[in-house]
Structure formats: C-alpha cells, structure tokens
Amino acid sequence: MRLSYLGPPGTFSEEAAVRFAPHAELVPLPTITASAVAVLSGEADVAVAPVENSLQGAVTETLDLLIHREGLHISHELAIDVVHNLMAAPGVKVSDVKRVYSHPQALGQCARYIAEHLPGAEAAAAISTAGAVEQAISADVPSAAIAPRRAAALYGATLLAEGIQDDDSNMTRFVVLATEDSAPTGDDKTSVCFSFDEDRSGLLFGVMERFAQAGINLAKVESRPTRVGLGRYYFLIDLDGHRRDPKVAAVLESVKELVSEFKIFGSYPKHGPSG
C-alpha cells in the first residue's frame, strides 16, 4: 500500500500514517491537498489527513477537499495524542528566540506558551510542523520551531521545552482518504454534507428533525462557506451508522428531499478517542 501524507518526515501526519498502516510505503508530500490529489491520480492508494483538533477545531483544508473534490471518500478514522515541543538550532536558547515557526494549527494550540515564554517573538506560519524545524534552523534570526519530538532528531535541532500545548488532552483526529469507503462493521460512522438554495427559518431544523425522529445520533455538526456569497453554507454532519444500514439509508434519502446539494463523504469504522 502506498500512503501519502503531509510531509516531510517528522510531522504528526506521518505519525498517524504509521499508526494506521505500519508497513505501508509512505509518500510524503508538501500539502494536505497534494496528498489527497495523489490518491485521485493513482500516485498513492490512500492518504492520511488531519480533519479535527480538540483545541483548534476543524482543519478546513481537509473539509474543503471532501466538499469540492469528486472521487475522495473517507474509509477510516483514527486519533492521536498531540504533544508539541519547542526546538531550535544547537546553541539557541529560549531567551534568544526572535521568531517561532510552525503550522498554523500548532501555533494556535500553543498560544498560551508563546504568549508567556516568547512574548516578543514573531509567529511565522509553516506548511508543516517538520518543515518549520528546517525553516527555524536556516532562519536569518535566532528562531525556534514547534514540532513533534521526532523532528528534532531528524533535522538536528535541540529540544528547548517539551509538552508546550495549551491542554494536555490535545488530540487530532485524522481521516483516511481513498477512492471508496468501507463496508459495514456494525459500529460505523457516516459523514455527509448538504446545502440549501434558499435562506429561511426552519430549513436546518427540518433536516435535524429527520435524524432525531429516526433515533440516529449526530456526533458532529459544522458548516463551511459555499464560496458563492456571504451567508451561504455547506452543513457537514457525522452520524452514527453506515450508509447501507436500512434505517440510515432511509433517512439520508428523506434528507435529500429537503436540500439542494447532498454528498456522502463515506461510511467507515468508528474509533474511540485513542484511535
């Protein structure tokens, strides 16, 4: 199996990829989008992509891929504990740091530490946490990076502080993207999205009511802009059950009658918080 992920080596996406498929041929790529497109092009069989963090919420790049790219489906999910560490080139101390690099999600997840310990440092966004280490080491001013511990060993950085995330329960949920979803297991989750072609009271309630009347639990509800104007949204729902379950299938068909656009991202085995 060829598995693409947001590289380079040393990212949390790599950790999730190894957790999901320890013996896969890993294909590190520069962006989440590139890792997903690799599945569509056949360069990879599956991709692992972050979709939600317990502190910062949705990873919108992944959600937008699922909404707007045809042919991508969620086949599995897993979650990993996220422990952020501050690292820099050998010889750089915390008091020296003028700039701190990391992925925007990681910067947000460590906002309190940055404010307290690096109050004068510039926060610089990087495409990935591991890439941030490379940027920090080669920067023109004393810099640090926020990244997994493994990245320090890979890129020759020195650990300055460990476990700097704002909450020790920090976790990221990843989804496995493939060209097909998974067969029913008896303990599944289904992700869908839909939109309305008008804006009036009661539309979203009508959809929620269909699930409630069928006794189907909704694990998550969120929205993303449709890109066609202010106030227009896609609604994204994670629900308990598989799209092939008769009860779930019947409700999904009834929901289609209420919305203007409807898309099933996939049905896949449900996992607990630890993946």
C-alpha atoms as a PDB file:
ATOM      1  CA  MET A   1       0.000   0.000   0.000  1.00  0.00           C
ATOM      2  CA  ARG A   2       1.252   3.482  -0.888  1.00  0.00           C
ATOM      3  CA  LEU A   3       0.144   6.043   1.689  1.00  0.00           C
ATOM      4  CA  SER A   4       0.525   9.787   1.155  1.00  0.00           C
ATOM      5  CA  TYR A   5       0.586  12.334   3.960  1.00  0.00           C
ATOM      6  CA  LEU A   6       1.567  15.909   4.790  1.00  0.00           C
ATOM      7  CA  GLY A   7       5.351  15.745   4.962  1.00  0.00           C
ATOM      8  CA  PRO A   8       8.215  15.976   5.323  1.00  0.00           C
ATOM      9  CA  PRO A   9       9.037  13.121   7.716  1.00  0.00           C
ATOM     10  CA  GLY A  10       8.588  14.104  11.342  1.00  0.00           C
ATOM     11  CA  THR A  11       5.046  15.515  11.158  1.00  0.00           C
ATOM     12  CA  PHE A  12       2.071  14.361  13.187  1.00  0.00           C
ATOM     13  CA  SER A  13       0.571  13.238   9.883  1.00  0.00           C
ATOM     14  CA  GLU A  14       3.494  10.833   9.492  1.00  0.00           C
ATOM     15  CA  GLU A  15       2.830   9.520  12.997  1.00  0.00           C
ATOM     16  CA  ALA A  16      -0.823   8.942  12.091  1.00  0.00           C
ATOM     17  CA  ALA A  17       0.181   7.275   8.820  1.00  0.00           C
ATOM     18  CA  VAL A  18       2.491   4.832  10.593  1.00  0.00           C
ATOM     19  CA  ARG A  19      -0.171   4.167  13.230  1.00  0.00           C
ATOM     20  CA  PHE A  20      -2.728   3.350  10.542  1.00  0.00           C
ATOM     21  CA  ALA A  21      -0.509   1.231   8.276  1.00  0.00           C
ATOM     22  CA  PRO A  22       2.881   0.371   9.840  1.00  0.00           C
ATOM     23  CA  HIS A  23       4.134  -1.451   6.749  1.00  0.00           C
ATOM     24  CA  ALA A  24       2.884   0.938   4.072  1.00  0.00           C
ATOM     25  CA  GLU A  25       5.150   2.680   1.588  1.00  0.00           C
ATOM     26  CA  LEU A  26       4.982   6.266   2.810  1.00  0.00           C
ATOM     27  CA  VAL A  27       4.736   9.118   0.305  1.00  0.00           C
ATOM     28  CA  PRO A  28       5.424  12.492   1.991  1.00  0.00           C
ATOM     29  CA  LEU A  29       4.013  15.456   0.075  1.00  0.00           C
ATOM     30  CA  PRO A  30       4.174  19.224   0.688  1.00  0.00           C
ATOM     31  CA  THR A  31       0.481  19.903   1.408  1.00  0.00           C
ATOM     32  CA  ILE A  32      -2.679  18.153   2.540  1.00  0.00           C
ATOM     33  CA  THR A  33      -4.181  18.889  -0.868  1.00  0.00           C
ATOM     34  CA  ALA A  34      -1.236  17.283  -2.649  1.00  0.00           C
ATOM     35  CA  SER A  35      -1.575  14.149  -0.528  1.00  0.00           C
ATOM     36  CA  ALA A  36      -5.271  13.874  -1.438  1.00  0.00           C
ATOM     37  CA  VAL A  37      -4.703  14.548  -5.136  1.00  0.00           C
ATOM     38  CA  ALA A  38      -2.119  11.745  -5.116  1.00  0.00           C
ATOM     39  CA  VAL A  39      -4.941   9.321  -4.331  1.00  0.00           C
ATOM     40  CA  LEU A  40      -7.017  10.587  -7.242  1.00  0.00           C
ATOM     41  CA  SER A  41      -4.055  10.375  -9.632  1.00  0.00           C
ATOM     42  CA  GLY A  42      -3.031   6.885  -8.514  1.00  0.00           C
ATOM     43  CA  GLU A  43       0.290   8.002  -7.062  1.00  0.00           C
ATOM     44  CA  ALA A  44      -0.966   6.765  -3.685  1.00  0.00           C
ATOM     45  CA  ASP A  45      -3.591   4.224  -2.663  1.00  0.00           C
ATOM     46  CA  VAL A  46      -4.759   6.194   0.370  1.00  0.00           C
ATOM     47  CA  ALA A  47      -3.926   9.427   2.171  1.00  0.00           C
ATOM     48  CA  VAL A  48      -3.994  10.290   5.855  1.00  0.00           C
ATOM     49  CA  ALA A  49      -5.201  13.831   6.547  1.00  0.00           C
ATOM     50  CA  PRO A  50      -5.958  15.764   9.747  1.00  0.00           C
ATOM     51  CA  VAL A  51      -9.596  16.778   9.962  1.00  0.00           C
ATOM     52  CA  GLU A  52     -10.207  17.999  13.510  1.00  0.00           C
ATOM     53  CA  ASN A  53      -8.248  19.085  16.578  1.00  0.00           C
ATOM     54  CA  SER A  54      -9.613  19.090  20.104  1.00  0.00           C
ATOM     55  CA  LEU A  55      -8.288  22.623  20.758  1.00  0.00           C
ATOM     56  CA  GLN A  56      -8.445  24.388  17.393  1.00  0.00           C
ATOM     57  CA  GLY A  57     -11.403  22.637  15.782  1.00  0.00           C
ATOM     58  CA  ALA A  58     -11.765  21.792  12.108  1.00  0.00           C
ATOM     59  CA  VAL A  59      -8.889  21.519   9.653  1.00  0.00           C
ATOM     60  CA  THR A  60     -10.635  23.408   6.878  1.00  0.00           C
ATOM     61  CA  GLU A  61      -8.288  22.362   4.070  1.00  0.00           C
ATOM     62  CA  THR A  62      -9.329  18.742   4.537  1.00  0.00           C
ATOM     63  CA  LEU A  63     -13.030  19.593   4.805  1.00  0.00           C
ATOM     64  CA  ASP A  64     -12.896  21.675   1.639  1.00  0.00           C
ATOM     65  CA  LEU A  65     -11.211  18.824  -0.227  1.00  0.00           C
ATOM     66  CA  LEU A  66     -14.035  16.491   0.738  1.00  0.00           C
ATOM     67  CA  ILE A  67     -16.654  19.041  -0.289  1.00  0.00           C
ATOM     68  CA  HIS A  68     -15.214  20.175  -3.599  1.00  0.00           C
ATOM     69  CA  ARG A  69     -13.145  17.246  -4.940  1.00  0.00           C
ATOM     70  CA  GLU A  70     -15.018  14.406  -6.577  1.00  0.00           C
ATOM     71  CA  GLY A  71     -13.808  10.856  -6.010  1.00  0.00           C
ATOM     72  CA  LEU A  72     -12.476  11.216  -2.466  1.00  0.00           C
ATOM     73  CA  HIS A  73     -14.086   9.179   0.293  1.00  0.00           C
ATOM     74  CA  ILE A  74     -13.378   8.595   3.966  1.00  0.00           C
ATOM     75  CA  SER A  75     -12.530   4.939   4.576  1.00  0.00           C
ATOM     76  CA  HIS A  76     -11.229   5.054   8.169  1.00  0.00           C
ATOM     77  CA  GLU A  77     -10.582   7.423  11.063  1.00  0.00           C
ATOM     78  CA  LEU A  78      -8.071   7.494  13.881  1.00  0.00           C
ATOM     79  CA  ALA A  79      -6.976   9.930  16.579  1.00  0.00           C
ATOM     80  CA  ILE A  80      -3.569  10.574  18.083  1.00  0.00           C
ATOM     81  CA  ASP A  81      -2.340  12.468  21.125  1.00  0.00           C
ATOM     82  CA  VAL A  82      -0.569  15.653  20.063  1.00  0.00           C
ATOM     83  CA  VAL A  83       2.434  16.701  22.146  1.00  0.00           C
ATOM     84  CA  HIS A  84       4.139  19.872  20.934  1.00  0.00           C
ATOM     85  CA  ASN A  85       7.767  20.690  21.657  1.00  0.00           C
ATOM     86  CA  LEU A  86       9.894  23.795  21.193  1.00  0.00           C
ATOM     87  CA  MET A  87      13.176  23.207  19.371  1.00  0.00           C
ATOM     88  CA  ALA A  88      15.907  25.234  17.733  1.00  0.00           C
ATOM     89  CA  ALA A  89      19.363  25.028  16.200  1.00  0.00           C
ATOM     90  CA  PRO A  90      22.072  23.971  18.669  1.00  0.00           C
ATOM     91  CA  GLY A  91      23.200  26.936  20.760  1.00  0.00           C
ATOM     92  CA  VAL A  92      19.926  28.880  20.542  1.00  0.00           C
ATOM     93  CA  LYS A  93      18.254  29.472  23.920  1.00  0.00           C
ATOM     94  CA  VAL A  94      14.604  30.331  24.604  1.00  0.00           C
ATOM     95  CA  SER A  95      15.643  33.873  25.533  1.00  0.00           C
ATOM     96  CA  ASP A  96      17.323  34.264  22.125  1.00  0.00           C
ATOM     97  CA  VAL A  97      14.275  33.397  20.025  1.00  0.00           C
ATOM     98  CA  LYS A  98      13.016  36.211  17.800  1.00  0.00           C
ATOM     99  CA  ARG A  99      10.763  34.084  15.586  1.00  0.00           C
ATOM    100  CA  VAL A 100       8.824  30.852  16.128  1.00  0.00           C
ATOM    101  CA  TYR A 101       7.765  28.708  13.184  1.00  0.00           C
ATOM    102  CA  SER A 102       5.053  26.079  12.976  1.00  0.00           C
ATOM    103  CA  HIS A 103       1.891  25.016  11.207  1.00  0.00           C
ATOM    104  CA  PRO A 104      -0.945  27.478  11.999  1.00  0.00           C
ATOM    105  CA  GLN A 105      -2.828  24.772  13.913  1.00  0.00           C
ATOM    106  CA  ALA A 106       0.211  24.112  16.113  1.00  0.00           C
ATOM    107  CA  LEU A 107       0.766  27.824  16.745  1.00  0.00           C
ATOM    108  CA  GLY A 108      -2.838  28.099  17.874  1.00  0.00           C
ATOM    109  CA  GLN A 109      -2.570  25.020  20.087  1.00  0.00           C
ATOM    110  CA  CYS A 110       0.450  26.547  21.872  1.00  0.00           C
ATOM    111  CA  ALA A 111      -0.785  30.145  22.039  1.00  0.00           C
ATOM    112  CA  ARG A 112      -0.572  30.388  25.831  1.00  0.00           C
ATOM    113  CA  TYR A 113       3.020  29.127  25.957  1.00  0.00           C
ATOM    114  CA  ILE A 114       4.064  31.521  23.198  1.00  0.00           C
ATOM    115  CA  ALA A 115       2.441  34.471  24.973  1.00  0.00           C
ATOM    116  CA  GLU A 116       4.073  33.632  28.306  1.00  0.00           C
ATOM    117  CA  HIS A 117       7.547  32.472  27.242  1.00  0.00           C
ATOM    118  CA  LEU A 118       8.093  34.080  23.821  1.00  0.00           C
ATOM    119  CA  PRO A 119       6.184  37.368  24.146  1.00  0.00           C
ATOM    120  CA  GLY A 120       8.419  39.268  21.748  1.00  0.00           C
ATOM    121  CA  ALA A 121       8.787  36.532  19.150  1.00  0.00           C
ATOM    122  CA  GLU A 122       7.176  36.746  15.722  1.00  0.00           C
ATOM    123  CA  ALA A 123       4.871  33.814  14.950  1.00  0.00           C
ATOM    124  CA  ALA A 124       5.606  32.530  11.447  1.00  0.00           C
ATOM    125  CA  ALA A 125       3.324  30.049   9.694  1.00  0.00           C
ATOM    126  CA  ALA A 126       4.864  26.992   8.055  1.00  0.00           C
ATOM    127  CA  ILE A 127       3.257  24.414   5.785  1.00  0.00           C
ATOM    128  CA  SER A 128       4.034  21.628   8.264  1.00  0.00           C
ATOM    129  CA  THR A 129       5.493  21.184  11.728  1.00  0.00           C
ATOM    130  CA  ALA A 130       8.528  19.305  10.418  1.00  0.00           C
ATOM    131  CA  GLY A 131       9.064  21.906   7.704  1.00  0.00           C
ATOM    132  CA  ALA A 132       9.025  24.516  10.454  1.00  0.00           C
ATOM    133  CA  VAL A 133      12.115  22.930  12.010  1.00  0.00           C
ATOM    134  CA  GLU A 134      14.045  23.237   8.757  1.00  0.00           C
ATOM    135  CA  GLN A 135      12.979  26.878   8.448  1.00  0.00           C
ATOM    136  CA  ALA A 136      13.944  27.692  12.028  1.00  0.00           C
ATOM    137  CA  ILE A 137      17.402  26.184  11.677  1.00  0.00           C
ATOM    138  CA  SER A 138      18.132  28.106   8.466  1.00  0.00           C
ATOM    139  CA  ALA A 139      16.475  31.392   9.511  1.00  0.00           C
ATOM    140  CA  ASP A 140      18.332  34.709   9.411  1.00  0.00           C
ATOM    141  CA  VAL A 141      17.438  35.489  13.040  1.00  0.00           C
ATOM    142  CA  PRO A 142      17.519  33.236  16.126  1.00  0.00           C
ATOM    143  CA  SER A 143      14.416  31.109  15.677  1.00  0.00           C
ATOM    144  CA  ALA A 144      12.602  28.128  17.111  1.00  0.00           C
ATOM    145  CA  ALA A 145      10.008  25.682  15.849  1.00  0.00           C
ATOM    146  CA  ILE A 146       7.062  23.888  17.399  1.00  0.00           C
ATOM    147  CA  ALA A 147       7.026  20.277  16.249  1.00  0.00           C
ATOM    148  CA  PRO A 148       6.920  16.609  17.305  1.00  0.00           C
ATOM    149  CA  ARG A 149       9.916  15.358  19.285  1.00  0.00           C
ATOM    150  CA  ARG A 150      10.957  13.093  16.389  1.00  0.00           C
ATOM    151  CA  ALA A 151      11.521  16.147  14.172  1.00  0.00           C
ATOM    152  CA  ALA A 152      14.339  17.348  16.436  1.00  0.00           C
ATOM    153  CA  ALA A 153      16.252  14.119  15.903  1.00  0.00           C
ATOM    154  CA  LEU A 154      15.573  14.092  12.168  1.00  0.00           C
ATOM    155  CA  TYR A 155      16.730  17.647  11.497  1.00  0.00           C
ATOM    156  CA  GLY A 156      19.454  18.159  14.099  1.00  0.00           C
ATOM    157  CA  ALA A 157      17.567  20.515  16.392  1.00  0.00           C
ATOM    158  CA  THR A 158      17.893  20.850  20.160  1.00  0.00           C
ATOM    159  CA  LEU A 159      14.826  20.497  22.384  1.00  0.00           C
ATOM    160  CA  LEU A 160      14.180  23.682  24.387  1.00  0.00           C
ATOM    161  CA  ALA A 161      10.856  22.746  26.003  1.00  0.00           C
ATOM    162  CA  GLU A 162       8.549  19.737  25.875  1.00  0.00           C
ATOM    163  CA  GLY A 163       4.773  19.413  26.106  1.00  0.00           C
ATOM    164  CA  ILE A 164       4.041  23.097  25.463  1.00  0.00           C
ATOM    165  CA  GLN A 165       0.491  22.615  24.119  1.00  0.00           C
ATOM    166  CA  ASP A 166      -2.209  24.597  25.937  1.00  0.00           C
ATOM    167  CA  ASP A 167      -4.019  21.439  27.066  1.00  0.00           C
ATOM    168  CA  ASP A 168      -2.570  18.030  27.897  1.00  0.00           C
ATOM    169  CA  SER A 169      -5.623  16.360  26.351  1.00  0.00           C
ATOM    170  CA  ASN A 170      -4.736  17.828  22.936  1.00  0.00           C
ATOM    171  CA  MET A 171      -5.703  15.324  20.223  1.00  0.00           C
ATOM    172  CA  THR A 172      -6.053  15.391  16.459  1.00  0.00           C
ATOM    173  CA  ARG A 173      -8.495  13.257  14.521  1.00  0.00           C
ATOM    174  CA  PHE A 174      -7.295  12.020  11.143  1.00  0.00           C
ATOM    175  CA  VAL A 175      -9.262  10.512   8.290  1.00  0.00           C
ATOM    176  CA  VAL A 176      -8.024   8.078   5.680  1.00  0.00           C
ATOM    177  CA  LEU A 177      -8.943   9.266   2.195  1.00  0.00           C
ATOM    178  CA  ALA A 178      -9.489   6.672  -0.524  1.00  0.00           C
ATOM    179  CA  THR A 179     -11.489   6.202  -3.706  1.00  0.00           C
ATOM    180  CA  GLU A 180     -14.016   4.027  -1.826  1.00  0.00           C
ATOM    181  CA  ASP A 181     -15.315   3.962   1.724  1.00  0.00           C
ATOM    182  CA  SER A 182     -15.525   0.874   3.960  1.00  0.00           C
ATOM    183  CA  ALA A 183     -18.005  -1.984   4.213  1.00  0.00           C
ATOM    184  CA  PRO A 184     -20.296  -2.124   7.278  1.00  0.00           C
ATOM    185  CA  THR A 185     -18.751  -3.433  10.502  1.00  0.00           C
ATOM    186  CA  GLY A 186     -21.687  -2.952  12.875  1.00  0.00           C
ATOM    187  CA  ASP A 187     -20.035   0.003  14.613  1.00  0.00           C
ATOM    188  CA  ASP A 188     -19.708   2.692  11.988  1.00  0.00           C
ATOM    189  CA  LYS A 189     -19.909   6.401  11.338  1.00  0.00           C
ATOM    190  CA  THR A 190     -21.060   8.247   8.208  1.00  0.00           C
ATOM    191  CA  SER A 191     -20.028  11.753   7.146  1.00  0.00           C
ATOM    192  CA  VAL A 192     -22.235  13.816   4.827  1.00  0.00           C
ATOM    193  CA  CYS A 193     -22.636  17.403   3.679  1.00  0.00           C
ATOM    194  CA  PHE A 194     -25.542  19.349   2.225  1.00  0.00           C
ATOM    195  CA  SER A 195     -26.642  22.885   1.389  1.00  0.00           C
ATOM    196  CA  PHE A 196     -29.839  24.815   0.717  1.00  0.00           C
ATOM    197  CA  ASP A 197     -30.641  27.011  -2.278  1.00  0.00           C
ATOM    198  CA  GLU A 198     -32.560  29.448  -0.077  1.00  0.00           C
ATOM    199  CA  ASP A 199     -32.206  31.019   3.352  1.00  0.00           C
ATOM    200  CA  ARG A 200     -35.242  30.834   5.601  1.00  0.00           C
ATOM    201  CA  SER A 201     -36.020  29.767   9.130  1.00  0.00           C
ATOM    202  CA  GLY A 202     -36.522  26.091   9.866  1.00  0.00           C
ATOM    203  CA  LEU A 203     -34.511  24.599   6.993  1.00  0.00           C
ATOM    204  CA  LEU A 204     -31.714  23.162   9.113  1.00  0.00           C
ATOM    205  CA  PHE A 205     -34.155  22.164  11.840  1.00  0.00           C
ATOM    206  CA  GLY A 206     -36.102  20.147   9.278  1.00  0.00           C
ATOM    207  CA  VAL A 207     -33.019  18.088   8.478  1.00  0.00           C
ATOM    208  CA  MET A 208     -32.093  17.619  12.136  1.00  0.00           C
ATOM    209  CA  GLU A 209     -35.644  16.529  12.869  1.00  0.00           C
ATOM    210  CA  ARG A 210     -35.431  13.674  10.340  1.00  0.00           C
ATOM    211  CA  PHE A 211     -32.414  12.222  12.140  1.00  0.00           C
ATOM    212  CA  ALA A 212     -33.986  12.727  15.568  1.00  0.00           C
ATOM    213  CA  GLN A 213     -37.225  11.022  14.561  1.00  0.00           C
ATOM    214  CA  ALA A 214     -35.233   8.016  13.339  1.00  0.00           C
ATOM    215  CA  GLY A 215     -33.223   7.863  16.561  1.00  0.00           C
ATOM    216  CA  ILE A 216     -29.921   8.480  14.768  1.00  0.00           C
ATOM    217  CA  ASN A 217     -27.268  10.214  16.847  1.00  0.00           C
ATOM    218  CA  LEU A 218     -25.392  13.129  15.286  1.00  0.00           C
ATOM    219  CA  ALA A 219     -21.807  13.147  16.527  1.00  0.00           C
ATOM    220  CA  LYS A 220     -20.811  16.464  14.941  1.00  0.00           C
ATOM    221  CA  VAL A 221     -22.422  19.342  13.042  1.00  0.00           C
ATOM    222  CA  GLU A 222     -20.456  22.207  11.487  1.00  0.00           C
ATOM    223  CA  SER A 223     -20.505  24.490   8.465  1.00  0.00           C
ATOM    224  CA  ARG A 224     -18.252  25.759   5.669  1.00  0.00           C
ATOM    225  CA  PRO A 225     -18.855  28.619   3.201  1.00  0.00           C
ATOM    226  CA  THR A 226     -20.160  27.560  -0.216  1.00  0.00           C
ATOM    227  CA  ARG A 227     -17.888  30.126  -1.953  1.00  0.00           C
ATOM    228  CA  VAL A 228     -20.860  31.650  -3.776  1.00  0.00           C
ATOM    229  CA  GLY A 229     -21.608  34.547  -1.433  1.00  0.00           C
ATOM    230  CA  LEU A 230     -21.946  35.598   2.175  1.00  0.00           C
ATOM    231  CA  GLY A 231     -24.429  33.686   4.273  1.00  0.00           C
ATOM    232  CA  ARG A 232     -24.403  30.537   2.124  1.00  0.00           C
ATOM    233  CA  TYR A 233     -23.059  27.412   3.785  1.00  0.00           C
ATOM    234  CA  TYR A 234     -22.457  23.716   3.439  1.00  0.00           C
ATOM    235  CA  PHE A 235     -23.501  21.840   6.560  1.00  0.00           C
ATOM    236  CA  LEU A 236     -21.346  18.863   7.495  1.00  0.00           C
ATOM    237  CA  ILE A 237     -22.620  16.091   9.745  1.00  0.00           C
ATOM    238  CA  ASP A 238     -21.066  12.987  11.289  1.00  0.00           C
ATOM    239  CA  LEU A 239     -23.755  10.475  12.236  1.00  0.00           C
ATOM    240  CA  ASP A 240     -23.784   7.066  13.854  1.00  0.00           C
ATOM    241  CA  GLY A 241     -24.379   4.156  11.478  1.00  0.00           C
ATOM    242  CA  HIS A 242     -23.430   3.051   7.973  1.00  0.00           C
ATOM    243  CA  ARG A 243     -24.979   4.453   4.809  1.00  0.00           C
ATOM    244  CA  ARG A 244     -26.012   0.894   3.876  1.00  0.00           C
ATOM    245  CA  ASP A 245     -27.907   0.364   7.138  1.00  0.00           C
ATOM    246  CA  PRO A 246     -31.601   0.363   6.152  1.00  0.00           C
ATOM    247  CA  LYS A 247     -32.562   2.948   8.780  1.00  0.00           C
ATOM    248  CA  VAL A 248     -29.684   5.271   7.889  1.00  0.00           C
ATOM    249  CA  ALA A 249     -30.249   4.854   4.152  1.00  0.00           C
ATOM    250  CA  ALA A 250     -33.927   5.741   4.525  1.00  0.00           C
ATOM    251  CA  VAL A 251     -33.194   8.918   6.481  1.00  0.00           C
ATOM    252  CA  LEU A 252     -30.493  10.019   4.055  1.00  0.00           C
ATOM    253  CA  GLU A 253     -32.928   9.597   1.170  1.00  0.00           C
ATOM    254  CA  SER A 254     -35.524  11.673   3.011  1.00  0.00           C
ATOM    255  CA  VAL A 255     -32.966  14.405   3.722  1.00  0.00           C
ATOM    256  CA  LYS A 256     -32.194  14.689   0.014  1.00  0.00           C
ATOM    257  CA  GLU A 257     -35.769  15.906  -0.463  1.00  0.00           C
ATOM    258  CA  LEU A 258     -35.089  18.891   1.816  1.00  0.00           C
ATOM    259  CA  VAL A 259     -31.758  20.140   0.448  1.00  0.00           C
ATOM    260  CA  SER A 260     -30.397  21.431  -2.844  1.00  0.00           C
ATOM    261  CA  GLU A 261     -26.996  19.670  -2.716  1.00  0.00           C
ATOM    262  CA  PHE A 262     -26.136  16.451  -0.918  1.00  0.00           C
ATOM    263  CA  LYS A 263     -22.908  14.452  -0.739  1.00  0.00           C
ATOM    264  CA  ILE A 264     -21.836  11.412   1.268  1.00  0.00           C
ATOM    265  CA  PHE A 265     -18.157  11.604   2.199  1.00  0.00           C
ATOM    266  CA  GLY A 266     -18.165   7.988   3.297  1.00  0.00           C
ATOM    267  CA  SER A 267     -19.022   5.389   5.915  1.00  0.00           C
ATOM    268  CA  TYR A 268     -16.204   3.929   7.973  1.00  0.00           C
ATOM    269  CA  PRO A 269     -15.437   2.069  11.209  1.00  0.00           C
ATOM    270  CA  LYS A 270     -15.910   4.177  14.308  1.00  0.00           C
ATOM    271  CA  HIS A 271     -12.940   4.538  16.602  1.00  0.00           C
ATOM    272  CA  GLY A 272     -12.607   5.765  20.167  1.00  0.00           C
ATOM    273  CA  PRO A 273     -10.587   8.822  21.191  1.00  0.00           C
ATOM    274  CA  SER A 274      -7.291   6.945  21.132  1.00  0.00           C
ATOM    275  CA  GLY A 275      -7.845   5.640  17.613  1.00  0.00           C
END
